[in-house]
PDBML (XML) file of the C-alpha atoms, coordinates in Angstrom:
<?xml version="1.0" encoding="UTF-8" ?>
<PDBx:datablock datablockName="MODEL"
   xmlns:PDBx="http://pdbml.pdb.org/schema/pdbx-v50.xsd"
   xmlns:xsi="http://www.w3.org/2001/XMLSchema-instance"
   xsi:schemaLocation="http://pdbml.pdb.org/schema/pdbx-v50.xsd pdbx-v50.xsd">
   <PDBx:atom_siteCategory>
      <PDBx:atom_site id="1">
         <PDBx:B_iso_or_equiv>0.00</PDBx:B_iso_or_equiv>
         <PDBx:Cartn_x>156.979</PDBx:Cartn_x>
         <PDBx:Cartn_y>133.891</PDBx:Cartn_y>
         <PDBx:Cartn_z>97.248</PDBx:Cartn_z>
         <PDBx:auth_asym_id>A</PDBx:auth_asym_id>
         <PDBx:auth_atom_id>CA</PDBx:auth_atom_id>
         <PDBx:auth_comp_id>UNK</PDBx:auth_comp_id>
         <PDBx:auth_seq_id>1</PDBx:auth_seq_id>
         <PDBx:group_PDB>ATOM</PDBx:group_PDB>
         <PDBx:label_alt_id xsi:nil="true" />
         <PDBx:label_asym_id>A</PDBx:label_asym_id>
         <PDBx:label_atom_id>CA</PDBx:label_atom_id>
         <PDBx:label_comp_id>UNK</PDBx:label_comp_id>
         <PDBx:label_entity_id>1</PDBx:label_entity_id>
         <PDBx:label_seq_id>1</PDBx:label_seq_id>
         <PDBx:occupancy>1.00</PDBx:occupancy>
         <PDBx:pdbx_PDB_model_num>1</PDBx:pdbx_PDB_model_num>
         <PDBx:type_symbol>C</PDBx:type_symbol>
      </PDBx:atom_site>
      <PDBx:atom_site id="2">
         <PDBx:B_iso_or_equiv>0.00</PDBx:B_iso_or_equiv>
         <PDBx:Cartn_x>156.629</PDBx:Cartn_x>
         <PDBx:Cartn_y>133.263</PDBx:Cartn_y>
         <PDBx:Cartn_z>100.994</PDBx:Cartn_z>
         <PDBx:auth_asym_id>A</PDBx:auth_asym_id>
         <PDBx:auth_atom_id>CA</PDBx:auth_atom_id>
         <PDBx:auth_comp_id>UNK</PDBx:auth_comp_id>
         <PDBx:auth_seq_id>2</PDBx:auth_seq_id>
         <PDBx:group_PDB>ATOM</PDBx:group_PDB>
         <PDBx:label_alt_id xsi:nil="true" />
         <PDBx:label_asym_id>A</PDBx:label_asym_id>
         <PDBx:label_atom_id>CA</PDBx:label_atom_id>
         <PDBx:label_comp_id>UNK</PDBx:label_comp_id>
         <PDBx:label_entity_id>1</PDBx:label_entity_id>
         <PDBx:label_seq_id>2</PDBx:label_seq_id>
         <PDBx:occupancy>1.00</PDBx:occupancy>
         <PDBx:pdbx_PDB_model_num>1</PDBx:pdbx_PDB_model_num>
         <PDBx:type_symbol>C</PDBx:type_symbol>
      </PDBx:atom_site>
      <PDBx:atom_site id="3">
         <PDBx:B_iso_or_equiv>0.00</PDBx:B_iso_or_equiv>
         <PDBx:Cartn_x>152.852</PDBx:Cartn_x>
         <PDBx:Cartn_y>133.174</PDBx:Cartn_y>
         <PDBx:Cartn_z>100.808</PDBx:Cartn_z>
         <PDBx:auth_asym_id>A</PDBx:auth_asym_id>
         <PDBx:auth_atom_id>CA</PDBx:auth_atom_id>
         <PDBx:auth_comp_id>UNK</PDBx:auth_comp_id>
         <PDBx:auth_seq_id>3</PDBx:auth_seq_id>
         <PDBx:group_PDB>ATOM</PDBx:group_PDB>
         <PDBx:label_alt_id xsi:nil="true" />
         <PDBx:label_asym_id>A</PDBx:label_asym_id>
         <PDBx:label_atom_id>CA</PDBx:label_atom_id>
         <PDBx:label_comp_id>UNK</PDBx:label_comp_id>
         <PDBx:label_entity_id>1</PDBx:label_entity_id>
         <PDBx:label_seq_id>3</PDBx:label_seq_id>
         <PDBx:occupancy>1.00</PDBx:occupancy>
         <PDBx:pdbx_PDB_model_num>1</PDBx:pdbx_PDB_model_num>
         <PDBx:type_symbol>C</PDBx:type_symbol>
      </PDBx:atom_site>
      <PDBx:atom_site id="4">
         <PDBx:B_iso_or_equiv>0.00</PDBx:B_iso_or_equiv>
         <PDBx:Cartn_x>152.997</PDBx:Cartn_x>
         <PDBx:Cartn_y>130.802</PDBx:Cartn_y>
         <PDBx:Cartn_z>97.822</PDBx:Cartn_z>
         <PDBx:auth_asym_id>A</PDBx:auth_asym_id>
         <PDBx:auth_atom_id>CA</PDBx:auth_atom_id>
         <PDBx:auth_comp_id>UNK</PDBx:auth_comp_id>
         <PDBx:auth_seq_id>4</PDBx:auth_seq_id>
         <PDBx:group_PDB>ATOM</PDBx:group_PDB>
         <PDBx:label_alt_id xsi:nil="true" />
         <PDBx:label_asym_id>A</PDBx:label_asym_id>
         <PDBx:label_atom_id>CA</PDBx:label_atom_id>
         <PDBx:label_comp_id>UNK</PDBx:label_comp_id>
         <PDBx:label_entity_id>1</PDBx:label_entity_id>
         <PDBx:label_seq_id>4</PDBx:label_seq_id>
         <PDBx:occupancy>1.00</PDBx:occupancy>
         <PDBx:pdbx_PDB_model_num>1</PDBx:pdbx_PDB_model_num>
         <PDBx:type_symbol>C</PDBx:type_symbol>
      </PDBx:atom_site>
      <PDBx:atom_site id="5">
         <PDBx:B_iso_or_equiv>0.00</PDBx:B_iso_or_equiv>
         <PDBx:Cartn_x>154.907</PDBx:Cartn_x>
         <PDBx:Cartn_y>128.375</PDBx:Cartn_y>
         <PDBx:Cartn_z>100.076</PDBx:Cartn_z>
         <PDBx:auth_asym_id>A</PDBx:auth_asym_id>
         <PDBx:auth_atom_id>CA</PDBx:auth_atom_id>
         <PDBx:auth_comp_id>UNK</PDBx:auth_comp_id>
         <PDBx:auth_seq_id>5</PDBx:auth_seq_id>
         <PDBx:group_PDB>ATOM</PDBx:group_PDB>
         <PDBx:label_alt_id xsi:nil="true" />
         <PDBx:label_asym_id>A</PDBx:label_asym_id>
         <PDBx:label_atom_id>CA</PDBx:label_atom_id>
         <PDBx:label_comp_id>UNK</PDBx:label_comp_id>
         <PDBx:label_entity_id>1</PDBx:label_entity_id>
         <PDBx:label_seq_id>5</PDBx:label_seq_id>
         <PDBx:occupancy>1.00</PDBx:occupancy>
         <PDBx:pdbx_PDB_model_num>1</PDBx:pdbx_PDB_model_num>
         <PDBx:type_symbol>C</PDBx:type_symbol>
      </PDBx:atom_site>
      <PDBx:atom_site id="6">
         <PDBx:B_iso_or_equiv>0.00</PDBx:B_iso_or_equiv>
         <PDBx:Cartn_x>152.162</PDBx:Cartn_x>
         <PDBx:Cartn_y>128.596</PDBx:Cartn_y>
         <PDBx:Cartn_z>102.703</PDBx:Cartn_z>
         <PDBx:auth_asym_id>A</PDBx:auth_asym_id>
         <PDBx:auth_atom_id>CA</PDBx:auth_atom_id>
         <PDBx:auth_comp_id>UNK</PDBx:auth_comp_id>
         <PDBx:auth_seq_id>6</PDBx:auth_seq_id>
         <PDBx:group_PDB>ATOM</PDBx:group_PDB>
         <PDBx:label_alt_id xsi:nil="true" />
         <PDBx:label_asym_id>A</PDBx:label_asym_id>
         <PDBx:label_atom_id>CA</PDBx:label_atom_id>
         <PDBx:label_comp_id>UNK</PDBx:label_comp_id>
         <PDBx:label_entity_id>1</PDBx:label_entity_id>
         <PDBx:label_seq_id>6</PDBx:label_seq_id>
         <PDBx:occupancy>1.00</PDBx:occupancy>
         <PDBx:pdbx_PDB_model_num>1</PDBx:pdbx_PDB_model_num>
         <PDBx:type_symbol>C</PDBx:type_symbol>
      </PDBx:atom_site>
      <PDBx:atom_site id="7">
         <PDBx:B_iso_or_equiv>0.00</PDBx:B_iso_or_equiv>
         <PDBx:Cartn_x>149.421</PDBx:Cartn_x>
         <PDBx:Cartn_y>128.141</PDBx:Cartn_y>
         <PDBx:Cartn_z>100.098</PDBx:Cartn_z>
         <PDBx:auth_asym_id>A</PDBx:auth_asym_id>
         <PDBx:auth_atom_id>CA</PDBx:auth_atom_id>
         <PDBx:auth_comp_id>UNK</PDBx:auth_comp_id>
         <PDBx:auth_seq_id>7</PDBx:auth_seq_id>
         <PDBx:group_PDB>ATOM</PDBx:group_PDB>
         <PDBx:label_alt_id xsi:nil="true" />
         <PDBx:label_asym_id>A</PDBx:label_asym_id>
         <PDBx:label_atom_id>CA</PDBx:label_atom_id>
         <PDBx:label_comp_id>UNK</PDBx:label_comp_id>
         <PDBx:label_entity_id>1</PDBx:label_entity_id>
         <PDBx:label_seq_id>7</PDBx:label_seq_id>
         <PDBx:occupancy>1.00</PDBx:occupancy>
         <PDBx:pdbx_PDB_model_num>1</PDBx:pdbx_PDB_model_num>
         <PDBx:type_symbol>C</PDBx:type_symbol>
      </PDBx:atom_site>
      <PDBx:atom_site id="8">
         <PDBx:B_iso_or_equiv>0.00</PDBx:B_iso_or_equiv>
         <PDBx:Cartn_x>151.134</PDBx:Cartn_x>
         <PDBx:Cartn_y>125.104</PDBx:Cartn_y>
         <PDBx:Cartn_z>98.561</PDBx:Cartn_z>
         <PDBx:auth_asym_id>A</PDBx:auth_asym_id>
         <PDBx:auth_atom_id>CA</PDBx:auth_atom_id>
         <PDBx:auth_comp_id>UNK</PDBx:auth_comp_id>
         <PDBx:auth_seq_id>8</PDBx:auth_seq_id>
         <PDBx:group_PDB>ATOM</PDBx:group_PDB>
         <PDBx:label_alt_id xsi:nil="true" />
         <PDBx:label_asym_id>A</PDBx:label_asym_id>
         <PDBx:label_atom_id>CA</PDBx:label_atom_id>
         <PDBx:label_comp_id>UNK</PDBx:label_comp_id>
         <PDBx:label_entity_id>1</PDBx:label_entity_id>
         <PDBx:label_seq_id>8</PDBx:label_seq_id>
         <PDBx:occupancy>1.00</PDBx:occupancy>
         <PDBx:pdbx_PDB_model_num>1</PDBx:pdbx_PDB_model_num>
         <PDBx:type_symbol>C</PDBx:type_symbol>
      </PDBx:atom_site>
      <PDBx:atom_site id="9">
         <PDBx:B_iso_or_equiv>0.00</PDBx:B_iso_or_equiv>
         <PDBx:Cartn_x>151.129</PDBx:Cartn_x>
         <PDBx:Cartn_y>123.453</PDBx:Cartn_y>
         <PDBx:Cartn_z>101.995</PDBx:Cartn_z>
         <PDBx:auth_asym_id>A</PDBx:auth_asym_id>
         <PDBx:auth_atom_id>CA</PDBx:auth_atom_id>
         <PDBx:auth_comp_id>UNK</PDBx:auth_comp_id>
         <PDBx:auth_seq_id>9</PDBx:auth_seq_id>
         <PDBx:group_PDB>ATOM</PDBx:group_PDB>
         <PDBx:label_alt_id xsi:nil="true" />
         <PDBx:label_asym_id>A</PDBx:label_asym_id>
         <PDBx:label_atom_id>CA</PDBx:label_atom_id>
         <PDBx:label_comp_id>UNK</PDBx:label_comp_id>
         <PDBx:label_entity_id>1</PDBx:label_entity_id>
         <PDBx:label_seq_id>9</PDBx:label_seq_id>
         <PDBx:occupancy>1.00</PDBx:occupancy>
         <PDBx:pdbx_PDB_model_num>1</PDBx:pdbx_PDB_model_num>
         <PDBx:type_symbol>C</PDBx:type_symbol>
      </PDBx:atom_site>
      <PDBx:atom_site id="10">
         <PDBx:B_iso_or_equiv>0.00</PDBx:B_iso_or_equiv>
         <PDBx:Cartn_x>147.540</PDBx:Cartn_x>
         <PDBx:Cartn_y>124.487</PDBx:Cartn_y>
         <PDBx:Cartn_z>102.770</PDBx:Cartn_z>
         <PDBx:auth_asym_id>A</PDBx:auth_asym_id>
         <PDBx:auth_atom_id>CA</PDBx:auth_atom_id>
         <PDBx:auth_comp_id>UNK</PDBx:auth_comp_id>
         <PDBx:auth_seq_id>10</PDBx:auth_seq_id>
         <PDBx:group_PDB>ATOM</PDBx:group_PDB>
         <PDBx:label_alt_id xsi:nil="true" />
         <PDBx:label_asym_id>A</PDBx:label_asym_id>
         <PDBx:label_atom_id>CA</PDBx:label_atom_id>
         <PDBx:label_comp_id>UNK</PDBx:label_comp_id>
         <PDBx:label_entity_id>1</PDBx:label_entity_id>
         <PDBx:label_seq_id>10</PDBx:label_seq_id>
         <PDBx:occupancy>1.00</PDBx:occupancy>
         <PDBx:pdbx_PDB_model_num>1</PDBx:pdbx_PDB_model_num>
         <PDBx:type_symbol>C</PDBx:type_symbol>
      </PDBx:atom_site>
      <PDBx:atom_site id="11">
         <PDBx:B_iso_or_equiv>0.00</PDBx:B_iso_or_equiv>
         <PDBx:Cartn_x>146.305</PDBx:Cartn_x>
         <PDBx:Cartn_y>123.113</PDBx:Cartn_y>
         <PDBx:Cartn_z>99.444</PDBx:Cartn_z>
         <PDBx:auth_asym_id>A</PDBx:auth_asym_id>
         <PDBx:auth_atom_id>CA</PDBx:auth_atom_id>
         <PDBx:auth_comp_id>UNK</PDBx:auth_comp_id>
         <PDBx:auth_seq_id>11</PDBx:auth_seq_id>
         <PDBx:group_PDB>ATOM</PDBx:group_PDB>
         <PDBx:label_alt_id xsi:nil="true" />
         <PDBx:label_asym_id>A</PDBx:label_asym_id>
         <PDBx:label_atom_id>CA</PDBx:label_atom_id>
         <PDBx:label_comp_id>UNK</PDBx:label_comp_id>
         <PDBx:label_entity_id>1</PDBx:label_entity_id>
         <PDBx:label_seq_id>11</PDBx:label_seq_id>
         <PDBx:occupancy>1.00</PDBx:occupancy>
         <PDBx:pdbx_PDB_model_num>1</PDBx:pdbx_PDB_model_num>
         <PDBx:type_symbol>C</PDBx:type_symbol>
      </PDBx:atom_site>
      <PDBx:atom_site id="12">
         <PDBx:B_iso_or_equiv>0.00</PDBx:B_iso_or_equiv>
         <PDBx:Cartn_x>147.467</PDBx:Cartn_x>
         <PDBx:Cartn_y>119.650</PDBx:Cartn_y>
         <PDBx:Cartn_z>100.485</PDBx:Cartn_z>
         <PDBx:auth_asym_id>A</PDBx:auth_asym_id>
         <PDBx:auth_atom_id>CA</PDBx:auth_atom_id>
         <PDBx:auth_comp_id>UNK</PDBx:auth_comp_id>
         <PDBx:auth_seq_id>12</PDBx:auth_seq_id>
         <PDBx:group_PDB>ATOM</PDBx:group_PDB>
         <PDBx:label_alt_id xsi:nil="true" />
         <PDBx:label_asym_id>A</PDBx:label_asym_id>
         <PDBx:label_atom_id>CA</PDBx:label_atom_id>
         <PDBx:label_comp_id>UNK</PDBx:label_comp_id>
         <PDBx:label_entity_id>1</PDBx:label_entity_id>
         <PDBx:label_seq_id>12</PDBx:label_seq_id>
         <PDBx:occupancy>1.00</PDBx:occupancy>
         <PDBx:pdbx_PDB_model_num>1</PDBx:pdbx_PDB_model_num>
         <PDBx:type_symbol>C</PDBx:type_symbol>
      </PDBx:atom_site>
      <PDBx:atom_site id="13">
         <PDBx:B_iso_or_equiv>0.00</PDBx:B_iso_or_equiv>
         <PDBx:Cartn_x>145.032</PDBx:Cartn_x>
         <PDBx:Cartn_y>119.632</PDBx:Cartn_y>
         <PDBx:Cartn_z>103.388</PDBx:Cartn_z>
         <PDBx:auth_asym_id>A</PDBx:auth_asym_id>
         <PDBx:auth_atom_id>CA</PDBx:auth_atom_id>
         <PDBx:auth_comp_id>UNK</PDBx:auth_comp_id>
         <PDBx:auth_seq_id>13</PDBx:auth_seq_id>
         <PDBx:group_PDB>ATOM</PDBx:group_PDB>
         <PDBx:label_alt_id xsi:nil="true" />
         <PDBx:label_asym_id>A</PDBx:label_asym_id>
         <PDBx:label_atom_id>CA</PDBx:label_atom_id>
         <PDBx:label_comp_id>UNK</PDBx:label_comp_id>
         <PDBx:label_entity_id>1</PDBx:label_entity_id>
         <PDBx:label_seq_id>13</PDBx:label_seq_id>
         <PDBx:occupancy>1.00</PDBx:occupancy>
         <PDBx:pdbx_PDB_model_num>1</PDBx:pdbx_PDB_model_num>
         <PDBx:type_symbol>C</PDBx:type_symbol>
      </PDBx:atom_site>
      <PDBx:atom_site id="14">
         <PDBx:B_iso_or_equiv>0.00</PDBx:B_iso_or_equiv>
         <PDBx:Cartn_x>141.479</PDBx:Cartn_x>
         <PDBx:Cartn_y>118.658</PDBx:Cartn_y>
         <PDBx:Cartn_z>104.035</PDBx:Cartn_z>
         <PDBx:auth_asym_id>A</PDBx:auth_asym_id>
         <PDBx:auth_atom_id>CA</PDBx:auth_atom_id>
         <PDBx:auth_comp_id>UNK</PDBx:auth_comp_id>
         <PDBx:auth_seq_id>14</PDBx:auth_seq_id>
         <PDBx:group_PDB>ATOM</PDBx:group_PDB>
         <PDBx:label_alt_id xsi:nil="true" />
         <PDBx:label_asym_id>A</PDBx:label_asym_id>
         <PDBx:label_atom_id>CA</PDBx:label_atom_id>
         <PDBx:label_comp_id>UNK</PDBx:label_comp_id>
         <PDBx:label_entity_id>1</PDBx:label_entity_id>
         <PDBx:label_seq_id>14</PDBx:label_seq_id>
         <PDBx:occupancy>1.00</PDBx:occupancy>
         <PDBx:pdbx_PDB_model_num>1</PDBx:pdbx_PDB_model_num>
         <PDBx:type_symbol>C</PDBx:type_symbol>
      </PDBx:atom_site>
      <PDBx:atom_site id="15">
         <PDBx:B_iso_or_equiv>0.00</PDBx:B_iso_or_equiv>
         <PDBx:Cartn_x>141.422</PDBx:Cartn_x>
         <PDBx:Cartn_y>120.512</PDBx:Cartn_y>
         <PDBx:Cartn_z>107.359</PDBx:Cartn_z>
         <PDBx:auth_asym_id>A</PDBx:auth_asym_id>
         <PDBx:auth_atom_id>CA</PDBx:auth_atom_id>
         <PDBx:auth_comp_id>UNK</PDBx:auth_comp_id>
         <PDBx:auth_seq_id>15</PDBx:auth_seq_id>
         <PDBx:group_PDB>ATOM</PDBx:group_PDB>
         <PDBx:label_alt_id xsi:nil="true" />
         <PDBx:label_asym_id>A</PDBx:label_asym_id>
         <PDBx:label_atom_id>CA</PDBx:label_atom_id>
         <PDBx:label_comp_id>UNK</PDBx:label_comp_id>
         <PDBx:label_entity_id>1</PDBx:label_entity_id>
         <PDBx:label_seq_id>15</PDBx:label_seq_id>
         <PDBx:occupancy>1.00</PDBx:occupancy>
         <PDBx:pdbx_PDB_model_num>1</PDBx:pdbx_PDB_model_num>
         <PDBx:type_symbol>C</PDBx:type_symbol>
      </PDBx:atom_site>
      <PDBx:atom_site id="16">
         <PDBx:B_iso_or_equiv>0.00</PDBx:B_iso_or_equiv>
         <PDBx:Cartn_x>143.418</PDBx:Cartn_x>
         <PDBx:Cartn_y>123.175</PDBx:Cartn_y>
         <PDBx:Cartn_z>109.179</PDBx:Cartn_z>
         <PDBx:auth_asym_id>A</PDBx:auth_asym_id>
         <PDBx:auth_atom_id>CA</PDBx:auth_atom_id>
         <PDBx:auth_comp_id>UNK</PDBx:auth_comp_id>
         <PDBx:auth_seq_id>16</PDBx:auth_seq_id>
         <PDBx:group_PDB>ATOM</PDBx:group_PDB>
         <PDBx:label_alt_id xsi:nil="true" />
         <PDBx:label_asym_id>A</PDBx:label_asym_id>
         <PDBx:label_atom_id>CA</PDBx:label_atom_id>
         <PDBx:label_comp_id>UNK</PDBx:label_comp_id>
         <PDBx:label_entity_id>1</PDBx:label_entity_id>
         <PDBx:label_seq_id>16</PDBx:label_seq_id>
         <PDBx:occupancy>1.00</PDBx:occupancy>
         <PDBx:pdbx_PDB_model_num>1</PDBx:pdbx_PDB_model_num>
         <PDBx:type_symbol>C</PDBx:type_symbol>
      </PDBx:atom_site>
      <PDBx:atom_site id="17">
         <PDBx:B_iso_or_equiv>0.00</PDBx:B_iso_or_equiv>
         <PDBx:Cartn_x>143.710</PDBx:Cartn_x>
         <PDBx:Cartn_y>122.947</PDBx:Cartn_y>
         <PDBx:Cartn_z>112.953</PDBx:Cartn_z>
         <PDBx:auth_asym_id>A</PDBx:auth_asym_id>
         <PDBx:auth_atom_id>CA</PDBx:auth_atom_id>
         <PDBx:auth_comp_id>UNK</PDBx:auth_comp_id>
         <PDBx:auth_seq_id>17</PDBx:auth_seq_id>
         <PDBx:group_PDB>ATOM</PDBx:group_PDB>
         <PDBx:label_alt_id xsi:nil="true" />
         <PDBx:label_asym_id>A</PDBx:label_asym_id>
         <PDBx:label_atom_id>CA</PDBx:label_atom_id>
         <PDBx:label_comp_id>UNK</PDBx:label_comp_id>
         <PDBx:label_entity_id>1</PDBx:label_entity_id>
         <PDBx:label_seq_id>17</PDBx:label_seq_id>
         <PDBx:occupancy>1.00</PDBx:occupancy>
         <PDBx:pdbx_PDB_model_num>1</PDBx:pdbx_PDB_model_num>
         <PDBx:type_symbol>C</PDBx:type_symbol>
      </PDBx:atom_site>
      <PDBx:atom_site id="18">
         <PDBx:B_iso_or_equiv>0.00</PDBx:B_iso_or_equiv>
         <PDBx:Cartn_x>144.266</PDBx:Cartn_x>
         <PDBx:Cartn_y>126.106</PDBx:Cartn_y>
         <PDBx:Cartn_z>115.012</PDBx:Cartn_z>
         <PDBx:auth_asym_id>A</PDBx:auth_asym_id>
         <PDBx:auth_atom_id>CA</PDBx:auth_atom_id>
         <PDBx:auth_comp_id>UNK</PDBx:auth_comp_id>
         <PDBx:auth_seq_id>18</PDBx:auth_seq_id>
         <PDBx:group_PDB>ATOM</PDBx:group_PDB>
         <PDBx:label_alt_id xsi:nil="true" />
         <PDBx:label_asym_id>A</PDBx:label_asym_id>
         <PDBx:label_atom_id>CA</PDBx:label_atom_id>
         <PDBx:label_comp_id>UNK</PDBx:label_comp_id>
         <PDBx:label_entity_id>1</PDBx:label_entity_id>
         <PDBx:label_seq_id>18</PDBx:label_seq_id>
         <PDBx:occupancy>1.00</PDBx:occupancy>
         <PDBx:pdbx_PDB_model_num>1</PDBx:pdbx_PDB_model_num>
         <PDBx:type_symbol>C</PDBx:type_symbol>
      </PDBx:atom_site>
      <PDBx:atom_site id="19">
         <PDBx:B_iso_or_equiv>0.00</PDBx:B_iso_or_equiv>
         <PDBx:Cartn_x>145.041</PDBx:Cartn_x>
         <PDBx:Cartn_y>126.029</PDBx:Cartn_y>
         <PDBx:Cartn_z>118.743</PDBx:Cartn_z>
         <PDBx:auth_asym_id>A</PDBx:auth_asym_id>
         <PDBx:auth_atom_id>CA</PDBx:auth_atom_id>
         <PDBx:auth_comp_id>UNK</PDBx:auth_comp_id>
         <PDBx:auth_seq_id>19</PDBx:auth_seq_id>
         <PDBx:group_PDB>ATOM</PDBx:group_PDB>
         <PDBx:label_alt_id xsi:nil="true" />
         <PDBx:label_asym_id>A</PDBx:label_asym_id>
         <PDBx:label_atom_id>CA</PDBx:label_atom_id>
         <PDBx:label_comp_id>UNK</PDBx:label_comp_id>
         <PDBx:label_entity_id>1</PDBx:label_entity_id>
         <PDBx:label_seq_id>19</PDBx:label_seq_id>
         <PDBx:occupancy>1.00</PDBx:occupancy>
         <PDBx:pdbx_PDB_model_num>1</PDBx:pdbx_PDB_model_num>
         <PDBx:type_symbol>C</PDBx:type_symbol>
      </PDBx:atom_site>
      <PDBx:atom_site id="20">
         <PDBx:B_iso_or_equiv>0.00</PDBx:B_iso_or_equiv>
         <PDBx:Cartn_x>145.827</PDBx:Cartn_x>
         <PDBx:Cartn_y>128.721</PDBx:Cartn_y>
         <PDBx:Cartn_z>121.291</PDBx:Cartn_z>
         <PDBx:auth_asym_id>A</PDBx:auth_asym_id>
         <PDBx:auth_atom_id>CA</PDBx:auth_atom_id>
         <PDBx:auth_comp_id>UNK</PDBx:auth_comp_id>
         <PDBx:auth_seq_id>20</PDBx:auth_seq_id>
         <PDBx:group_PDB>ATOM</PDBx:group_PDB>
         <PDBx:label_alt_id xsi:nil="true" />
         <PDBx:label_asym_id>A</PDBx:label_asym_id>
         <PDBx:label_atom_id>CA</PDBx:label_atom_id>
         <PDBx:label_comp_id>UNK</PDBx:label_comp_id>
         <PDBx:label_entity_id>1</PDBx:label_entity_id>
         <PDBx:label_seq_id>20</PDBx:label_seq_id>
         <PDBx:occupancy>1.00</PDBx:occupancy>
         <PDBx:pdbx_PDB_model_num>1</PDBx:pdbx_PDB_model_num>
         <PDBx:type_symbol>C</PDBx:type_symbol>
      </PDBx:atom_site>
      <PDBx:atom_site id="21">
         <PDBx:B_iso_or_equiv>0.00</PDBx:B_iso_or_equiv>
         <PDBx:Cartn_x>148.327</PDBx:Cartn_x>
         <PDBx:Cartn_y>129.071</PDBx:Cartn_y>
         <PDBx:Cartn_z>124.151</PDBx:Cartn_z>
         <PDBx:auth_asym_id>A</PDBx:auth_asym_id>
         <PDBx:auth_atom_id>CA</PDBx:auth_atom_id>
         <PDBx:auth_comp_id>UNK</PDBx:auth_comp_id>
         <PDBx:auth_seq_id>21</PDBx:auth_seq_id>
         <PDBx:group_PDB>ATOM</PDBx:group_PDB>
         <PDBx:label_alt_id xsi:nil="true" />
         <PDBx:label_asym_id>A</PDBx:label_asym_id>
         <PDBx:label_atom_id>CA</PDBx:label_atom_id>
         <PDBx:label_comp_id>UNK</PDBx:label_comp_id>
         <PDBx:label_entity_id>1</PDBx:label_entity_id>
         <PDBx:label_seq_id>21</PDBx:label_seq_id>
         <PDBx:occupancy>1.00</PDBx:occupancy>
         <PDBx:pdbx_PDB_model_num>1</PDBx:pdbx_PDB_model_num>
         <PDBx:type_symbol>C</PDBx:type_symbol>
      </PDBx:atom_site>
      <PDBx:atom_site id="22">
         <PDBx:B_iso_or_equiv>0.00</PDBx:B_iso_or_equiv>
         <PDBx:Cartn_x>149.087</PDBx:Cartn_x>
         <PDBx:Cartn_y>131.381</PDBx:Cartn_y>
         <PDBx:Cartn_z>127.093</PDBx:Cartn_z>
         <PDBx:auth_asym_id>A</PDBx:auth_asym_id>
         <PDBx:auth_atom_id>CA</PDBx:auth_atom_id>
         <PDBx:auth_comp_id>UNK</PDBx:auth_comp_id>
         <PDBx:auth_seq_id>22</PDBx:auth_seq_id>
         <PDBx:group_PDB>ATOM</PDBx:group_PDB>
         <PDBx:label_alt_id xsi:nil="true" />
         <PDBx:label_asym_id>A</PDBx:label_asym_id>
         <PDBx:label_atom_id>CA</PDBx:label_atom_id>
         <PDBx:label_comp_id>UNK</PDBx:label_comp_id>
         <PDBx:label_entity_id>1</PDBx:label_entity_id>
         <PDBx:label_seq_id>22</PDBx:label_seq_id>
         <PDBx:occupancy>1.00</PDBx:occupancy>
         <PDBx:pdbx_PDB_model_num>1</PDBx:pdbx_PDB_model_num>
         <PDBx:type_symbol>C</PDBx:type_symbol>
      </PDBx:atom_site>
      <PDBx:atom_site id="23">
         <PDBx:B_iso_or_equiv>0.00</PDBx:B_iso_or_equiv>
         <PDBx:Cartn_x>145.512</PDBx:Cartn_x>
         <PDBx:Cartn_y>131.094</PDBx:Cartn_y>
         <PDBx:Cartn_z>128.306</PDBx:Cartn_z>
         <PDBx:auth_asym_id>A</PDBx:auth_asym_id>
         <PDBx:auth_atom_id>CA</PDBx:auth_atom_id>
         <PDBx:auth_comp_id>UNK</PDBx:auth_comp_id>
         <PDBx:auth_seq_id>23</PDBx:auth_seq_id>
         <PDBx:group_PDB>ATOM</PDBx:group_PDB>
         <PDBx:label_alt_id xsi:nil="true" />
         <PDBx:label_asym_id>A</PDBx:label_asym_id>
         <PDBx:label_atom_id>CA</PDBx:label_atom_id>
         <PDBx:label_comp_id>UNK</PDBx:label_comp_id>
         <PDBx:label_entity_id>1</PDBx:label_entity_id>
         <PDBx:label_seq_id>23</PDBx:label_seq_id>
         <PDBx:occupancy>1.00</PDBx:occupancy>
         <PDBx:pdbx_PDB_model_num>1</PDBx:pdbx_PDB_model_num>
         <PDBx:type_symbol>C</PDBx:type_symbol>
      </PDBx:atom_site>
      <PDBx:atom_site id="24">
         <PDBx:B_iso_or_equiv>0.00</PDBx:B_iso_or_equiv>
         <PDBx:Cartn_x>143.959</PDBx:Cartn_x>
         <PDBx:Cartn_y>131.269</PDBx:Cartn_y>
         <PDBx:Cartn_z>124.845</PDBx:Cartn_z>
         <PDBx:auth_asym_id>A</PDBx:auth_asym_id>
         <PDBx:auth_atom_id>CA</PDBx:auth_atom_id>
         <PDBx:auth_comp_id>UNK</PDBx:auth_comp_id>
         <PDBx:auth_seq_id>24</PDBx:auth_seq_id>
         <PDBx:group_PDB>ATOM</PDBx:group_PDB>
         <PDBx:label_alt_id xsi:nil="true" />
         <PDBx:label_asym_id>A</PDBx:label_asym_id>
         <PDBx:label_atom_id>CA</PDBx:label_atom_id>
         <PDBx:label_comp_id>UNK</PDBx:label_comp_id>
         <PDBx:label_entity_id>1</PDBx:label_entity_id>
         <PDBx:label_seq_id>24</PDBx:label_seq_id>
         <PDBx:occupancy>1.00</PDBx:occupancy>
         <PDBx:pdbx_PDB_model_num>1</PDBx:pdbx_PDB_model_num>
         <PDBx:type_symbol>C</PDBx:type_symbol>
      </PDBx:atom_site>
      <PDBx:atom_site id="25">
         <PDBx:B_iso_or_equiv>0.00</PDBx:B_iso_or_equiv>
         <PDBx:Cartn_x>141.290</PDBx:Cartn_x>
         <PDBx:Cartn_y>128.548</PDBx:Cartn_y>
         <PDBx:Cartn_z>124.586</PDBx:Cartn_z>
         <PDBx:auth_asym_id>A</PDBx:auth_asym_id>
         <PDBx:auth_atom_id>CA</PDBx:auth_atom_id>
         <PDBx:auth_comp_id>UNK</PDBx:auth_comp_id>
         <PDBx:auth_seq_id>25</PDBx:auth_seq_id>
         <PDBx:group_PDB>ATOM</PDBx:group_PDB>
         <PDBx:label_alt_id xsi:nil="true" />
         <PDBx:label_asym_id>A</PDBx:label_asym_id>
         <PDBx:label_atom_id>CA</PDBx:label_atom_id>
         <PDBx:label_comp_id>UNK</PDBx:label_comp_id>
         <PDBx:label_entity_id>1</PDBx:label_entity_id>
         <PDBx:label_seq_id>25</PDBx:label_seq_id>
         <PDBx:occupancy>1.00</PDBx:occupancy>
         <PDBx:pdbx_PDB_model_num>1</PDBx:pdbx_PDB_model_num>
         <PDBx:type_symbol>C</PDBx:type_symbol>
      </PDBx:atom_site>
   </PDBx:atom_siteCategory>
</PDBx:datablock>
């Protein structure tokens, strides 16, 4: 059920943006 929630949101997108922190570039 939790992963279905994530997939429903992802399927609305054209892109996914991923960024790092704590020194991760």
